Amino acid sequence: MFTCQCWSLISQHLNQDIPGPATLTVSLSTWWCAAVKSAPNDCHKGLNCLIVLVTWEIWKHRNACVFEGAQPSVQPLLSV
C-alpha cells in the first residue's frame, strides 16, 4: 500500500517509529488517534502537524497521478 510505504520511509528518514495505517479497512481518523496516543505527550502537537502535512502531500500526489498522468512514487513526497 502506497500510504504505508510513505509512512515507513518518513519514519526511517526522521529516525522515529511512526506507525503507518495498517490496512485499508482502518479509517484515517482511527489510525490518526491511535498514532497520536502511542506517541509521548510532548510529541502530540508535532505529530498532528506531521500527519496533516504528509496526508496533504499524499493527496496532492494522488491527484497528480489521476489527473496529470504522474507515476506513483514515494520519492517526490520525501523531497518536499
N, C-alpha and C. Protein backbone atom coordinates (compact mmCIF):
# COMPACT_ATOMS: atom_id res chain seq x y z
N MET A 1 0.85 -1.19 0.00
CA MET A 1 0.00 0.00 0.00
C MET A 1 0.89 1.25 0.00
N PHE A 2 0.58 2.17 -0.87
CA PHE A 2 1.39 3.36 -1.08
C PHE A 2 1.52 4.20 0.19
N THR A 3 0.43 4.42 0.89
CA THR A 3 0.45 5.24 2.10
C THR A 3 1.34 4.64 3.18
N CYS A 4 1.25 3.33 3.36
CA CYS A 4 2.11 2.66 4.35
C CYS A 4 3.58 2.81 3.98
N GLN A 5 3.87 2.69 2.69
CA GLN A 5 5.24 2.85 2.21
C GLN A 5 5.74 4.26 2.51
N CYS A 6 4.89 5.25 2.30
CA CYS A 6 5.27 6.64 2.59
C CYS A 6 5.61 6.82 4.06
N TRP A 7 4.73 6.33 4.93
CA TRP A 7 4.96 6.49 6.36
C TRP A 7 6.19 5.72 6.83
N SER A 8 6.44 4.58 6.24
CA SER A 8 7.62 3.81 6.60
C SER A 8 8.89 4.58 6.26
N LEU A 9 8.94 5.15 5.07
CA LEU A 9 10.12 5.91 4.66
C LEU A 9 10.28 7.20 5.47
N ILE A 10 9.17 7.84 5.79
CA ILE A 10 9.24 9.06 6.61
C ILE A 10 9.74 8.72 8.01
N SER A 11 9.26 7.61 8.56
CA SER A 11 9.73 7.16 9.88
C SER A 11 11.23 6.92 9.86
N GLN A 12 11.71 6.25 8.82
CA GLN A 12 13.14 5.99 8.70
C GLN A 12 13.91 7.29 8.56
N HIS A 13 13.40 8.19 7.74
CA HIS A 13 14.07 9.47 7.49
C HIS A 13 14.19 10.29 8.77
N LEU A 14 13.15 10.26 9.60
CA LEU A 14 13.13 11.02 10.85
C LEU A 14 13.73 10.24 12.02
N ASN A 15 14.06 8.97 11.77
CA ASN A 15 14.58 8.09 12.81
C ASN A 15 13.61 8.00 13.99
N GLN A 16 12.32 7.89 13.66
CA GLN A 16 11.24 7.78 14.65
C GLN A 16 10.36 6.60 14.28
N ASP A 17 9.67 6.05 15.26
CA ASP A 17 8.73 4.97 15.00
C ASP A 17 7.34 5.56 14.85
N ILE A 18 6.96 5.86 13.61
CA ILE A 18 5.63 6.39 13.32
C ILE A 18 4.88 5.31 12.56
N PRO A 19 3.94 4.64 13.20
CA PRO A 19 3.24 3.55 12.51
C PRO A 19 2.32 4.09 11.42
N GLY A 20 2.40 3.51 10.25
CA GLY A 20 1.50 3.89 9.17
C GLY A 20 0.18 3.18 9.33
N PRO A 21 -0.81 3.57 8.56
CA PRO A 21 -2.10 2.88 8.61
C PRO A 21 -1.90 1.42 8.21
N ALA A 22 -2.43 0.52 9.01
CA ALA A 22 -2.15 -0.91 8.83
C ALA A 22 -2.89 -1.54 7.65
N THR A 23 -4.13 -1.18 7.46
CA THR A 23 -4.92 -1.81 6.40
C THR A 23 -5.84 -0.78 5.76
N LEU A 24 -6.44 -1.18 4.68
CA LEU A 24 -7.40 -0.29 4.01
C LEU A 24 -8.69 -0.15 4.81
N THR A 25 -8.93 -1.07 5.74
CA THR A 25 -10.19 -1.03 6.50
C THR A 25 -10.12 -0.05 7.67
N VAL A 26 -8.93 0.43 7.99
CA VAL A 26 -8.79 1.38 9.09
C VAL A 26 -9.05 2.79 8.55
N SER A 27 -9.95 3.50 9.20
CA SER A 27 -10.23 4.86 8.75
C SER A 27 -9.07 5.78 9.12
N LEU A 28 -8.96 6.89 8.43
CA LEU A 28 -7.91 7.85 8.71
C LEU A 28 -8.00 8.34 10.15
N SER A 29 -9.20 8.65 10.61
CA SER A 29 -9.35 9.17 11.97
C SER A 29 -8.98 8.13 13.03
N THR A 30 -9.33 6.85 12.79
CA THR A 30 -8.98 5.79 13.74
C THR A 30 -7.47 5.64 13.82
N TRP A 31 -6.81 5.60 12.64
CA TRP A 31 -5.36 5.47 12.61
C TRP A 31 -4.70 6.68 13.25
N TRP A 32 -5.18 7.88 12.93
CA TRP A 32 -4.61 9.12 13.45
C TRP A 32 -4.65 9.12 14.98
N CYS A 33 -5.81 8.81 15.55
CA CYS A 33 -5.95 8.77 17.02
C CYS A 33 -5.00 7.76 17.65
N ALA A 34 -4.90 6.58 17.04
CA ALA A 34 -4.01 5.54 17.58
C ALA A 34 -2.55 5.97 17.49
N ALA A 35 -2.16 6.62 16.39
CA ALA A 35 -0.78 7.07 16.23
C ALA A 35 -0.43 8.13 17.28
N VAL A 36 -1.33 9.06 17.51
CA VAL A 36 -1.07 10.13 18.48
C VAL A 36 -1.05 9.56 19.90
N LYS A 37 -1.96 8.64 20.21
CA LYS A 37 -1.98 8.04 21.54
C LYS A 37 -0.72 7.24 21.83
N SER A 38 -0.11 6.66 20.80
CA SER A 38 1.10 5.86 21.01
C SER A 38 2.35 6.71 21.14
N ALA A 39 2.25 8.00 20.84
CA ALA A 39 3.40 8.91 20.92
C ALA A 39 3.48 9.53 22.31
N PRO A 40 4.68 9.92 22.73
CA PRO A 40 4.81 10.62 24.01
C PRO A 40 4.00 11.93 23.98
N ASN A 41 3.53 12.35 25.15
CA ASN A 41 2.68 13.54 25.24
C ASN A 41 3.32 14.79 24.64
N ASP A 42 4.62 14.95 24.83
CA ASP A 42 5.26 16.16 24.31
C ASP A 42 5.43 16.14 22.79
N CYS A 43 5.09 15.03 22.14
CA CYS A 43 5.21 14.92 20.68
C CYS A 43 3.86 15.03 19.97
N HIS A 44 2.77 15.10 20.71
CA HIS A 44 1.43 15.08 20.09
C HIS A 44 1.24 16.22 19.09
N LYS A 45 1.60 17.42 19.47
CA LYS A 45 1.38 18.58 18.60
C LYS A 45 2.18 18.43 17.29
N GLY A 46 3.44 18.05 17.42
CA GLY A 46 4.28 17.89 16.24
C GLY A 46 3.81 16.75 15.36
N LEU A 47 3.37 15.64 15.97
CA LEU A 47 2.90 14.51 15.20
C LEU A 47 1.61 14.86 14.47
N ASN A 48 0.71 15.58 15.12
CA ASN A 48 -0.51 16.03 14.45
C ASN A 48 -0.18 16.87 13.22
N CYS A 49 0.76 17.77 13.37
CA CYS A 49 1.18 18.63 12.26
C CYS A 49 1.78 17.78 11.14
N LEU A 50 2.64 16.83 11.49
CA LEU A 50 3.26 15.96 10.50
C LEU A 50 2.21 15.15 9.75
N ILE A 51 1.24 14.62 10.46
CA ILE A 51 0.19 13.83 9.83
C ILE A 51 -0.60 14.68 8.83
N VAL A 52 -0.95 15.90 9.22
CA VAL A 52 -1.67 16.78 8.30
C VAL A 52 -0.84 17.06 7.05
N LEU A 53 0.42 17.40 7.24
CA LEU A 53 1.26 17.74 6.10
C LEU A 53 1.51 16.56 5.17
N VAL A 54 1.80 15.40 5.74
CA VAL A 54 2.06 14.21 4.91
C VAL A 54 0.78 13.78 4.19
N THR A 55 -0.34 13.80 4.90
CA THR A 55 -1.61 13.43 4.28
C THR A 55 -1.93 14.36 3.12
N TRP A 56 -1.67 15.65 3.28
CA TRP A 56 -1.90 16.63 2.22
C TRP A 56 -1.01 16.34 1.02
N GLU A 57 0.26 16.03 1.25
CA GLU A 57 1.19 15.74 0.16
C GLU A 57 0.80 14.45 -0.56
N ILE A 58 0.36 13.44 0.19
CA ILE A 58 -0.10 12.20 -0.44
C ILE A 58 -1.32 12.48 -1.31
N TRP A 59 -2.23 13.31 -0.82
CA TRP A 59 -3.43 13.66 -1.59
C TRP A 59 -3.06 14.41 -2.87
N LYS A 60 -2.14 15.36 -2.76
CA LYS A 60 -1.71 16.10 -3.95
C LYS A 60 -1.05 15.17 -4.97
N HIS A 61 -0.23 14.24 -4.48
CA HIS A 61 0.44 13.30 -5.37
C HIS A 61 -0.59 12.38 -6.03
N ARG A 62 -1.58 11.96 -5.28
CA ARG A 62 -2.65 11.12 -5.83
C ARG A 62 -3.37 11.86 -6.94
N ASN A 63 -3.66 13.14 -6.73
CA ASN A 63 -4.32 13.93 -7.76
C ASN A 63 -3.44 14.07 -9.00
N ALA A 64 -2.15 14.24 -8.81
CA ALA A 64 -1.23 14.33 -9.95
C ALA A 64 -1.23 13.02 -10.74
N CYS A 65 -1.31 11.90 -10.05
CA CYS A 65 -1.35 10.60 -10.73
C CYS A 65 -2.65 10.43 -11.51
N VAL A 66 -3.75 10.83 -10.90
CA VAL A 66 -5.06 10.64 -11.53
C VAL A 66 -5.30 11.63 -12.66
N PHE A 67 -5.00 12.89 -12.45
CA PHE A 67 -5.38 13.92 -13.40
C PHE A 67 -4.27 14.37 -14.34
N GLU A 68 -3.01 14.11 -13.98
CA GLU A 68 -1.91 14.59 -14.81
C GLU A 68 -1.05 13.46 -15.35
N GLY A 69 -1.41 12.22 -15.03
CA GLY A 69 -0.67 11.08 -15.55
C GLY A 69 0.67 10.82 -14.88
N ALA A 70 0.90 11.40 -13.71
CA ALA A 70 2.15 11.15 -12.99
C ALA A 70 2.20 9.69 -12.54
N GLN A 71 3.42 9.19 -12.34
CA GLN A 71 3.60 7.83 -11.86
C GLN A 71 3.69 7.83 -10.35
N PRO A 72 3.01 6.88 -9.68
CA PRO A 72 3.10 6.81 -8.22
C PRO A 72 4.55 6.57 -7.78
N SER A 73 5.03 7.42 -6.91
CA SER A 73 6.40 7.30 -6.41
C SER A 73 6.48 7.97 -5.05
N VAL A 74 7.14 7.31 -4.12
CA VAL A 74 7.30 7.85 -2.76
C VAL A 74 8.37 8.94 -2.73
N GLN A 75 9.36 8.83 -3.58
CA GLN A 75 10.49 9.75 -3.53
C GLN A 75 10.12 11.24 -3.65
N PRO A 76 9.21 11.64 -4.56
CA PRO A 76 8.83 13.07 -4.59
C PRO A 76 8.23 13.57 -3.28
N LEU A 77 7.55 12.68 -2.56
CA LEU A 77 6.95 13.07 -1.28
C LEU A 77 8.02 13.35 -0.23
N LEU A 78 9.13 12.65 -0.31
CA LEU A 78 10.20 12.84 0.66
C LEU A 78 11.02 14.09 0.37
N SER A 79 10.95 14.58 -0.85
CA SER A 79 11.77 15.74 -1.21
C SER A 79 11.07 17.06 -0.91
N VAL A 80 9.83 17.01 -0.46
CA VAL A 80 9.06 18.24 -0.18
C VAL A 80 9.52 18.87 1.11
